[in-house]
C-alpha atoms as a PDB file:
ATOM      1  CA  ALA A   1       9.194   4.698  -8.163  1.00  0.00           C
ATOM      2  CA  GLY A   2       6.232   6.285  -6.456  1.00  0.00           C
ATOM      3  CA  LEU A   3       4.095   4.118  -4.225  1.00  0.00           C
ATOM      4  CA  ALA A   4       0.929   5.160  -2.474  1.00  0.00           C
ATOM      5  CA  LEU A   5       0.814   3.675   0.989  1.00  0.00           C
ATOM      6  CA  ALA A   6      -2.752   4.562   1.872  1.00  0.00           C
ATOM      7  CA  ALA A   7      -4.055   1.064   1.219  1.00  0.00           C
ATOM      8  CA  ALA A   8      -1.462  -0.462   3.506  1.00  0.00           C
ATOM      9  CA  VAL A   9      -1.588   2.107   6.274  1.00  0.00           C
ATOM     10  CA  ALA A  10      -4.619   3.539   8.007  1.00  0.00           C
ATOM     11  CA  VAL A  11      -3.063   5.724  10.684  1.00  0.00           C
ATOM     12  CA  HIS A  12      -4.826   6.777  13.868  1.00  0.00           C
ATOM     13  CA  LEU A  13      -3.066  10.059  14.407  1.00  0.00           C
ATOM     14  CA  ALA A  14      -2.692  11.218  17.972  1.00  0.00           C
ATOM     15  CA  SER A  15      -0.342  14.092  18.822  1.00  0.00           C
ATOM     16  CA  PRO A  16       2.539  13.851  16.349  1.00  0.00           C
ATOM     17  CA  PRO A  17       6.032  13.326  17.765  1.00  0.00           C
ATOM     18  CA  GLY A  18       7.349  16.587  19.147  1.00  0.00           C
ATOM     19  CA  ALA A  19       3.940  18.258  19.313  1.00  0.00           C
ATOM     20  CA  VAL A  20       3.046  19.964  22.574  1.00  0.00           C
ATOM     21  CA  ALA A  21      -0.522  19.920  23.847  1.00  0.00           C
ATOM     22  CA  PRO A  22      -1.864  23.502  23.949  1.00  0.00           C
ATOM     23  CA  ALA A  23      -2.744  25.108  27.251  1.00  0.00           C
ATOM     24  CA  ALA A  24      -6.372  25.873  28.086  1.00  0.00           C
ATOM     25  CA  ARG A  25      -7.626  28.580  25.725  1.00  0.00           C
ATOM     26  CA  SER A  26     -10.496  30.988  25.604  1.00  0.00           C
ATOM     27  CA  HIS A  27     -13.173  30.126  23.046  1.00  0.00           C
ATOM     28  CA  ARG A  28     -12.135  33.321  21.285  1.00  0.00           C
ATOM     29  CA  ASP A  29      -8.627  32.014  20.649  1.00  0.00           C
ATOM     30  CA  ALA A  30      -7.886  30.432  17.307  1.00  0.00           C
ATOM     31  CA  ALA A  31      -7.280  26.664  17.351  1.00  0.00           C
ATOM     32  CA  PRO A  32      -3.571  25.750  17.097  1.00  0.00           C
ATOM     33  CA  GLN A  33      -2.456  24.614  13.646  1.00  0.00           C
ATOM     34  CA  VAL A  34       0.041  21.743  13.469  1.00  0.00           C
ATOM     35  CA  ARG A  35       1.594  21.213  10.060  1.00  0.00           C
ATOM     36  CA  LEU A  36       2.163  17.490   9.635  1.00  0.00           C
ATOM     37  CA  THR A  37       5.065  16.074   7.661  1.00  0.00           C
ATOM     38  CA  ALA A  38       5.579  12.657   6.116  1.00  0.00           C
ATOM     39  CA  ARG A  39       8.003  11.894   8.934  1.00  0.00           C
ATOM     40  CA  ASP A  40       5.376  12.776  11.575  1.00  0.00           C
ATOM     41  CA  VAL A  41       2.797  10.411  10.094  1.00  0.00           C
ATOM     42  CA  LEU A  42       5.223   7.532   9.518  1.00  0.00           C
ATOM     43  CA  LEU A  43       6.668   7.769  13.040  1.00  0.00           C
ATOM     44  CA  THR A  44       3.139   7.841  14.447  1.00  0.00           C
ATOM     45  CA  ALA A  45       2.364   4.722  12.413  1.00  0.00           C
ATOM     46  CA  ALA A  46       5.414   3.076  13.974  1.00  0.00           C
ATOM     47  CA  THR A  47       3.996   3.631  17.462  1.00  0.00           C
ATOM     48  CA  HIS A  48       0.499   2.443  16.546  1.00  0.00           C
ATOM     49  CA  VAL A  49       1.426  -0.621  14.501  1.00  0.00           C
ATOM     50  CA  ALA A  50      -0.972  -3.510  15.024  1.00  0.00           C
ATOM     51  CA  THR A  51       0.323  -6.651  16.654  1.00  0.00           C
ATOM     52  CA  ALA A  52      -0.072  -9.531  14.207  1.00  0.00           C
ATOM     53  CA  PRO A  53       0.343 -13.213  15.054  1.00  0.00           C
ATOM     54  CA  VAL A  54       3.552 -14.744  13.760  1.00  0.00           C
ATOM     55  CA  SER A  55       2.554 -18.362  14.270  1.00  0.00           C
ATOM     56  CA  GLY A  56      -0.205 -20.487  12.833  1.00  0.00           C
ATOM     57  CA  ARG A  57      -0.939 -22.678   9.844  1.00  0.00           C
ATOM     58  CA  TYR A  58      -1.481 -19.899   7.286  1.00  0.00           C
ATOM     59  CA  TRP A  59      -0.467 -16.299   6.600  1.00  0.00           C
ATOM     60  CA  ARG A  60      -3.549 -14.594   5.204  1.00  0.00           C
ATOM     61  CA  THR A  61      -3.300 -11.428   3.107  1.00  0.00           C
ATOM     62  CA  LYS A  62      -6.445  -9.557   2.052  1.00  0.00           C
ATOM     63  CA  GLU A  63      -5.893  -6.901  -0.577  1.00  0.00           C
ATOM     64  CA  ILE A  64      -7.934  -4.531  -2.710  1.00  0.00           C
ATOM     65  CA  SER A  65      -6.271  -3.205  -5.829  1.00  0.00           C
ATOM     66  CA  GLY A  66      -7.792  -1.600  -8.874  1.00  0.00           C
ATOM     67  CA  GLU A  67      -7.513   0.113 -12.206  1.00  0.00           C
ATOM     68  CA  LEU A  68      -8.623   3.576 -13.260  1.00  0.00           C
ATOM     69  CA  LEU A  69     -10.575   3.335 -16.526  1.00  0.00           C
ATOM     70  CA  PRO A  70     -11.101   6.497 -18.617  1.00  0.00           C
ATOM     71  CA  THR A  71     -14.455   6.347 -20.395  1.00  0.00           C
ATOM     72  CA  GLY A  72     -17.349   8.557 -21.528  1.00  0.00           C
ATOM     73  CA  THR A  73     -17.137  10.692 -24.646  1.00  0.00           C
ATOM     74  CA  ARG A  74     -14.637  13.276 -25.819  1.00  0.00           C
ATOM     75  CA  ALA A  75     -17.124  15.989 -24.853  1.00  0.00           C
ATOM     76  CA  SER A  76     -18.057  14.409 -21.494  1.00  0.00           C
ATOM     77  CA  PRO A  77     -15.211  12.218 -20.222  1.00  0.00           C
ATOM     78  CA  TYR A  78     -15.206  10.583 -16.803  1.00  0.00           C
ATOM     79  CA  ASP A  79     -13.240   7.917 -14.952  1.00  0.00           C
ATOM     80  CA  MET A  80     -14.444   4.650 -13.471  1.00  0.00           C
ATOM     81  CA  PHE A  81     -12.519   2.663 -10.869  1.00  0.00           C
ATOM     82  CA  LEU A  82     -12.494  -1.142 -11.143  1.00  0.00           C
ATOM     83  CA  PRO A  83     -11.603  -2.689  -7.755  1.00  0.00           C
ATOM     84  CA  ILE A  84     -10.374  -6.276  -7.574  1.00  0.00           C
ATOM     85  CA  SER A  85     -10.097  -8.160  -4.283  1.00  0.00           C
ATOM     86  CA  TYR A  86      -7.532 -10.834  -3.477  1.00  0.00           C
ATOM     87  CA  ASP A  87      -7.574 -13.182  -0.510  1.00  0.00           C
ATOM     88  CA  GLN A  88      -4.295 -15.087  -0.304  1.00  0.00           C
ATOM     89  CA  TRP A  89      -3.795 -18.055   2.057  1.00  0.00           C
ATOM     90  CA  THR A  90      -0.135 -19.073   2.302  1.00  0.00           C
ATOM     91  CA  PRO A  91       0.673 -22.185   4.370  1.00  0.00           C
ATOM     92  CA  ARG A  92       3.480 -22.110   6.883  1.00  0.00           C
ATOM     93  CA  LEU A  93       4.883 -25.405   5.626  1.00  0.00           C
ATOM     94  CA  ALA A  94       5.894 -26.476   2.148  1.00  0.00           C
ATOM     95  CA  GLY A  95       3.803 -29.160   0.447  1.00  0.00           C
ATOM     96  CA  HIS A  96       0.428 -27.758   1.520  1.00  0.00           C
ATOM     97  CA  ARG A  97      -2.027 -25.965  -0.743  1.00  0.00           C
ATOM     98  CA  GLU A  98      -1.630 -22.237  -1.232  1.00  0.00           C
ATOM     99  CA  TRP A  99      -4.961 -20.624  -2.116  1.00  0.00           C
ATOM    100  CA  SER A 100      -5.729 -17.410  -3.978  1.00  0.00           C
ATOM    101  CA  ILE A 101      -9.356 -16.196  -4.022  1.00  0.00           C
ATOM    102  CA  TYR A 102     -10.121 -13.236  -6.277  1.00  0.00           C
ATOM    103  CA  GLN A 103     -13.128 -11.212  -7.377  1.00  0.00           C
ATOM    104  CA  ASP A 104     -13.813  -8.383  -9.790  1.00  0.00           C
ATOM    105  CA  GLN A 105     -15.905  -6.058  -7.597  1.00  0.00           C
ATOM    106  CA  GLY A 106     -17.608  -4.130 -10.409  1.00  0.00           C
ATOM    107  CA  ALA A 107     -16.660  -0.659 -11.655  1.00  0.00           C
ATOM    108  CA  VAL A 108     -17.730   2.492  -9.767  1.00  0.00           C
ATOM    109  CA  PRO A 109     -17.219   6.204 -10.501  1.00  0.00           C
ATOM    110  CA  ALA A 110     -13.778   7.294  -9.344  1.00  0.00           C
ATOM    111  CA  THR A 111     -14.847  10.619  -7.789  1.00  0.00           C
ATOM    112  CA  PRO A 112     -18.095  12.497  -7.065  1.00  0.00           C
ATOM    113  CA  ALA A 113     -17.503  14.551 -10.215  1.00  0.00           C
ATOM    114  CA  ASP A 114     -17.126  11.347 -12.221  1.00  0.00           C
ATOM    115  CA  ALA A 115     -20.336  10.024 -10.649  1.00  0.00           C
ATOM    116  CA  ALA A 116     -22.227  13.133 -11.811  1.00  0.00           C
ATOM    117  CA  ALA A 117     -20.874  12.723 -15.360  1.00  0.00           C
ATOM    118  CA  TRP A 118     -21.699   9.009 -15.312  1.00  0.00           C
ATOM    119  CA  HIS A 119     -25.284   9.701 -14.224  1.00  0.00           C
ATOM    120  CA  ALA A 120     -25.583  12.391 -16.901  1.00  0.00           C
ATOM    121  CA  ALA A 121     -24.525   9.787 -19.475  1.00  0.00           C
ATOM    122  CA  GLY A 122     -27.371   7.503 -18.393  1.00  0.00           C
ATOM    123  CA  SER A 123     -25.415   5.432 -15.854  1.00  0.00           C
ATOM    124  CA  PRO A 124     -24.211   2.812 -18.363  1.00  0.00           C
ATOM    125  CA  ALA A 125     -23.796  -0.582 -16.704  1.00  0.00           C
ATOM    126  CA  SER A 126     -21.322  -2.008 -19.215  1.00  0.00           C
ATOM    127  CA  TRP A 127     -18.909  -0.874 -21.919  1.00  0.00           C
ATOM    128  CA  SER A 128     -15.784  -1.987 -23.752  1.00  0.00           C
ATOM    129  CA  TYR A 129     -12.326  -0.949 -22.658  1.00  0.00           C
ATOM    130  CA  PHE A 130      -9.495  -2.001 -25.000  1.00  0.00           C
ATOM    131  CA  GLU A 131     -11.359  -5.122 -26.144  1.00  0.00           C
ATOM    132  CA  THR A 132     -12.295  -5.970 -22.550  1.00  0.00           C
ATOM    133  CA  SER A 133     -15.896  -5.949 -21.357  1.00  0.00           C
ATOM    134  CA  VAL A 134     -16.269  -3.912 -18.152  1.00  0.00           C
ATOM    135  CA  THR A 135     -19.429  -3.884 -16.036  1.00  0.00           C
ATOM    136  CA  THR A 136     -20.657  -2.279 -12.829  1.00  0.00           C
ATOM    137  CA  THR A 137     -21.771  -5.697 -11.560  1.00  0.00           C
ATOM    138  CA  ALA A 138     -19.450  -7.757  -9.386  1.00  0.00           C
ATOM    139  CA  ALA A 139     -18.311 -11.022 -10.944  1.00  0.00           C
ATOM    140  CA  PRO A 140     -18.544 -14.332  -9.082  1.00  0.00           C
ATOM    141  CA  PRO A 141     -15.411 -15.034  -7.019  1.00  0.00           C
ATOM    142  CA  GLY A 142     -12.826 -17.405  -8.416  1.00  0.00           C
ATOM    143  CA  ALA A 143     -10.084 -19.423  -6.773  1.00  0.00           C
ATOM    144  CA  THR A 144      -6.845 -21.089  -7.737  1.00  0.00           C
ATOM    145  CA  TRP A 145      -4.389 -23.162  -5.726  1.00  0.00           C
ATOM    146  CA  GLN A 146      -0.918 -24.552  -6.015  1.00  0.00           C
ATOM    147  CA  VAL A 147       1.348 -26.604  -3.802  1.00  0.00           C
ATOM    148  CA  SER A 148       3.474 -24.240  -1.722  1.00  0.00           C
ATOM    149  CA  ASP A 149       7.247 -24.370  -2.013  1.00  0.00           C
ATOM    150  CA  GLY A 150       7.548 -22.933   1.489  1.00  0.00           C
ATOM    151  CA  THR A 151       7.807 -19.241   0.636  1.00  0.00           C
ATOM    152  CA  ALA A 152       5.518 -16.918   2.576  1.00  0.00           C
ATOM    153  CA  GLY A 153       6.099 -13.558   0.891  1.00  0.00           C
ATOM    154  CA  LEU A 154       8.644 -11.384  -0.876  1.00  0.00           C
ATOM    155  CA  VAL A 155      10.675  -8.262  -0.290  1.00  0.00           C
ATOM    156  CA  GLU A 156      11.928  -7.715  -3.836  1.00  0.00           C
ATOM    157  CA  GLY A 157       9.669  -8.900  -6.650  1.00  0.00           C
ATOM    158  CA  ASP A 158      12.590  -9.914  -8.856  1.00  0.00           C
ATOM    159  CA  GLU A 159      14.086 -12.146  -6.171  1.00  0.00           C
ATOM    160  CA  PRO A 160      12.900 -15.478  -4.703  1.00  0.00           C
ATOM    161  CA  GLY A 161      10.420 -15.264  -1.855  1.00  0.00           C
ATOM    162  CA  LEU A 162      11.370 -15.864   1.767  1.00  0.00           C
ATOM    163  CA  THR A 163      10.199 -18.531   4.191  1.00  0.00           C
ATOM    164  CA  PRO A 164       8.441 -17.794   7.501  1.00  0.00           C
ATOM    165  CA  ALA A 165      11.712 -18.556   9.325  1.00  0.00           C
ATOM    166  CA  GLN A 166      13.570 -15.984   7.209  1.00  0.00           C
ATOM    167  CA  PHE A 167      10.929 -13.362   7.937  1.00  0.00           C
ATOM    168  CA  ARG A 168      11.156 -14.135  11.659  1.00  0.00           C
ATOM    169  CA  ALA A 169      14.890 -13.414  11.413  1.00  0.00           C
ATOM    170  CA  MET A 170      14.372  -9.927   9.926  1.00  0.00           C
ATOM    171  CA  PRO A 171      16.144  -7.199  11.968  1.00  0.00           C
ATOM    172  CA  ALA A 172      13.807  -5.353  14.350  1.00  0.00           C
ATOM    173  CA  SER A 173      16.070  -2.295  14.603  1.00  0.00           C
ATOM    174  CA  PRO A 174      15.989   0.439  11.917  1.00  0.00           C
ATOM    175  CA  PRO A 175      19.749   0.620  11.047  1.00  0.00           C
ATOM    176  CA  PRO A 176      20.264  -3.096  10.282  1.00  0.00           C
ATOM    177  CA  LEU A 177      16.826  -3.291   8.652  1.00  0.00           C
ATOM    178  CA  LEU A 178      17.722  -0.348   6.388  1.00  0.00           C
ATOM    179  CA  ALA A 179      20.922  -2.157   5.426  1.00  0.00           C
ATOM    180  CA  ARG A 180      18.933  -5.295   4.586  1.00  0.00           C
ATOM    181  CA  LEU A 181      16.420  -3.369   2.442  1.00  0.00           C
ATOM    182  CA  ARG A 182      19.225  -1.483   0.710  1.00  0.00           C
ATOM    183  CA  HIS A 183      20.822  -4.853  -0.091  1.00  0.00           C
ATOM    184  CA  TYR A 184      17.624  -5.901  -1.859  1.00  0.00           C
ATOM    185  CA  ALA A 185      17.398  -2.555  -3.637  1.00  0.00           C
ATOM    186  CA  MET A 186      20.916  -2.972  -5.011  1.00  0.00           C
ATOM    187  CA  LEU A 187      19.955  -6.325  -6.532  1.00  0.00           C
ATOM    188  CA  THR A 188      17.485  -4.638  -8.888  1.00  0.00           C
ATOM    189  CA  SER A 189      18.414  -3.566 -12.401  1.00  0.00           C
ATOM    190  CA  CYS A 190      18.243   0.131 -11.454  1.00  0.00           C
ATOM    191  CA  GLY A 191      20.295  -0.543  -8.337  1.00  0.00           C
ATOM    192  CA  ARG A 192      23.023  -2.307 -10.305  1.00  0.00           C
ATOM    193  CA  HIS A 193      22.924  -0.088 -13.392  1.00  0.00           C
ATOM    194  CA  PRO A 194      21.511   3.384 -12.590  1.00  0.00           C
ATOM    195  CA  ALA A 195      20.305   5.167 -15.707  1.00  0.00           C
ATOM    196  CA  GLU A 196      18.007   7.980 -16.748  1.00  0.00           C
ATOM    197  CA  GLY A 197      14.444   7.098 -15.843  1.00  0.00           C
ATOM    198  CA  CYS A 198      15.501   4.732 -13.061  1.00  0.00           C
ATOM    199  CA  ALA A 199      14.222   5.022  -9.534  1.00  0.00           C
ATOM    200  CA  THR A 200      16.812   6.147  -7.006  1.00  0.00           C
ATOM    201  CA  VAL A 201      18.137   3.691  -4.449  1.00  0.00           C
ATOM    202  CA  ASP A 202      16.088   5.452  -1.744  1.00  0.00           C
ATOM    203  CA  GLN A 203      12.926   5.080  -3.849  1.00  0.00           C
ATOM    204  CA  LEU A 204      13.731   1.395  -4.322  1.00  0.00           C
ATOM    205  CA  VAL A 205      14.220   1.002  -0.562  1.00  0.00           C
ATOM    206  CA  TRP A 206      10.784   2.590  -0.050  1.00  0.00           C
ATOM    207  CA  GLY A 207       9.290  -0.039  -2.355  1.00  0.00           C
ATOM    208  CA  GLU A 208      11.030  -2.880  -0.519  1.00  0.00           C
ATOM    209  CA  ALA A 209       9.782  -1.485   2.795  1.00  0.00           C
ATOM    210  CA  ALA A 210       6.200  -1.232   1.503  1.00  0.00           C
ATOM    211  CA  ASN A 211       6.425  -4.902   0.478  1.00  0.00           C
ATOM    212  CA  LEU A 212       7.775  -5.901   3.891  1.00  0.00           C
ATOM    213  CA  LEU A 213       4.769  -4.321   5.636  1.00  0.00           C
ATOM    214  CA  GLN A 214       2.601  -6.983   3.987  1.00  0.00           C
ATOM    215  CA  ASP A 215       4.803  -9.924   4.987  1.00  0.00           C
ATOM    216  CA  PRO A 216       4.583 -12.225   8.054  1.00  0.00           C
ATOM    217  CA  VAL A 217       6.933 -10.222  10.270  1.00  0.00           C
ATOM    218  CA  THR A 218       6.625  -9.258  13.909  1.00  0.00           C
ATOM    219  CA  SER A 219       5.078  -5.995  15.012  1.00  0.00           C
ATOM    220  CA  GLN A 220       8.585  -4.880  16.072  1.00  0.00           C
ATOM    221  CA  VAL A 221       9.870  -5.368  12.509  1.00  0.00           C
ATOM    222  CA  ARG A 222       6.826  -3.585  11.129  1.00  0.00           C
ATOM    223  CA  ALA A 223       7.441  -0.633  13.457  1.00  0.00           C
ATOM    224  CA  ALA A 224      11.109  -0.549  12.434  1.00  0.00           C
ATOM    225  CA  THR A 225      10.013  -0.534   8.788  1.00  0.00           C
ATOM    226  CA  PHE A 226       7.916   2.602   9.315  1.00  0.00           C
ATOM    227  CA  ARG A 227      10.901   4.258  11.017  1.00  0.00           C
ATOM    228  CA  VAL A 228      13.135   3.371   8.067  1.00  0.00           C
ATOM    229  CA  MET A 229      10.572   4.898   5.701  1.00  0.00           C
ATOM    230  CA  ALA A 230      10.369   8.016   7.872  1.00  0.00           C
ATOM    231  CA  GLY A 231      14.123   8.522   7.527  1.00  0.00           C
ATOM    232  CA  LEU A 232      14.325   8.234   3.734  1.00  0.00           C
ATOM    233  CA  PRO A 233      15.089  11.514   1.915  1.00  0.00           C
ATOM    234  CA  GLY A 234      12.644  12.911  -0.604  1.00  0.00           C
ATOM    235  CA  VAL A 235       9.494  11.442   0.951  1.00  0.00           C
ATOM    236  CA  ARG A 236       6.644  13.944   1.058  1.00  0.00           C
ATOM    237  CA  LEU A 237       3.123  13.907   2.420  1.00  0.00           C
ATOM    238  CA  LEU A 238       0.428  14.154  -0.267  1.00  0.00           C
ATOM    239  CA  GLY A 239      -2.352  14.708   2.246  1.00  0.00           C
ATOM    240  CA  LYS A 240      -5.319  12.765   3.535  1.00  0.00           C
ATOM    241  CA  MET A 241      -6.960  10.200   1.293  1.00  0.00           C
ATOM    242  CA  ARG A 242      -9.114   7.095   1.427  1.00  0.00           C
ATOM    243  CA  ASP A 243      -8.260   3.596   0.339  1.00  0.00           C
ATOM    244  CA  PRO A 244     -10.634   1.523  -1.846  1.00  0.00           C
ATOM    245  CA  LEU A 245     -12.451   0.350   1.314  1.00  0.00           C
ATOM    246  CA  GLY A 246     -13.176   3.935   2.344  1.00  0.00           C
ATOM    247  CA  ARG A 247     -10.729   3.935   5.261  1.00  0.00           C
ATOM    248  CA  HIS A 248      -8.953   7.186   6.036  1.00  0.00           C
ATOM    249  CA  GLY A 249      -5.179   7.378   5.722  1.00  0.00           C
ATOM    250  CA  TYR A 250      -2.374   9.419   4.199  1.00  0.00           C
ATOM    251  CA  GLY A 251      -0.764   9.383   0.783  1.00  0.00           C
ATOM    252  CA  PHE A 252       2.981   9.667   0.213  1.00  0.00           C
ATOM    253  CA  GLY A 253       5.174  10.538  -2.744  1.00  0.00           C
ATOM    254  CA  THR A 254       8.814   9.517  -3.142  1.00  0.00           C
ATOM    255  CA  GLY A 255       9.930  11.658  -6.083  1.00  0.00           C
ATOM    256  CA  PRO A 256       9.133  14.786  -8.112  1.00  0.00           C
ATOM    257  CA  SER A 257       6.634  12.985 -10.330  1.00  0.00           C
ATOM    258  CA  ALA A 258       5.634  10.169  -7.992  1.00  0.00           C
ATOM    259  CA  GLY A 259       2.039   9.941  -6.821  1.00  0.00           C
END
C-alpha cells in the first residue's frame, strides 16, 4: 500500500506552486520559511518532468532496488543494504530479443550509525542470511533474454502488459488518466473485494501511477501522472531522502502505516 517514490523521482524544487518570492530583506531579517506539502512537490515534479523519447528500437529501464538485511549480534545489531541493479532492454516490436542485465552490487551499511557498528564488529565481508551467503563484494553481472511478445511495460502487475502503441494512447489529461488508473485499481483483488488489511482504492491508484512513471509514455502523460498523484487523498510528505544512487529526492507515504 505504501510506495516510496524517491527512486523514481529526483525533484529539482524551484518555488513551489503558490509561493511568492520574498521582497528584499535586511540581513537581520529571518529567512522566510515555506512549509512544503506532498502536493507542492508532486506538482513541481509535473512541471519539471524530463522529456523522454517515445520512438526507437528499444525502451531501456535502469533500476536499482535492494533489500535491508538485519545482521550483527543481539548486543550490537546493525543493518546492511544489498543493492541490486537491473538494466532492461525491451524491443519495440514483437519477435525480437528482450534483454535483462542484473548485478548484485555488494552489501553496504544502511546508515552512518550502521557503518560505525559494522566497523566495530571488524567490518565482516561476508555472512549468512537465512541460508543465503551475502558479501560486500559485487558479483559479476548476469544476463537473460527472451523473445518479446510485444509488451513494453505494465500498469497493474496482475494484468497483461501493454504495447508501445497502447502506452502512446494513454490520456495526457489528469481526469481521464485518473479514470484509467482507477479502472486498473478496480481489477485488483482488493479493488474487487475490499477487506481488512487491503489497500484503499486511492492507494492502489498511487501504485498504478508509480508504475506508469516507468513506462514508455510521453512527457505529457508523465506530467499528468504526477498531477493525479498530487490530487489523491491521504498522501503525505515524509521529507527529504536519497535514493540508492545518492540522488536527492522526497519520500511519500500513502497511509497511516505506509513508508
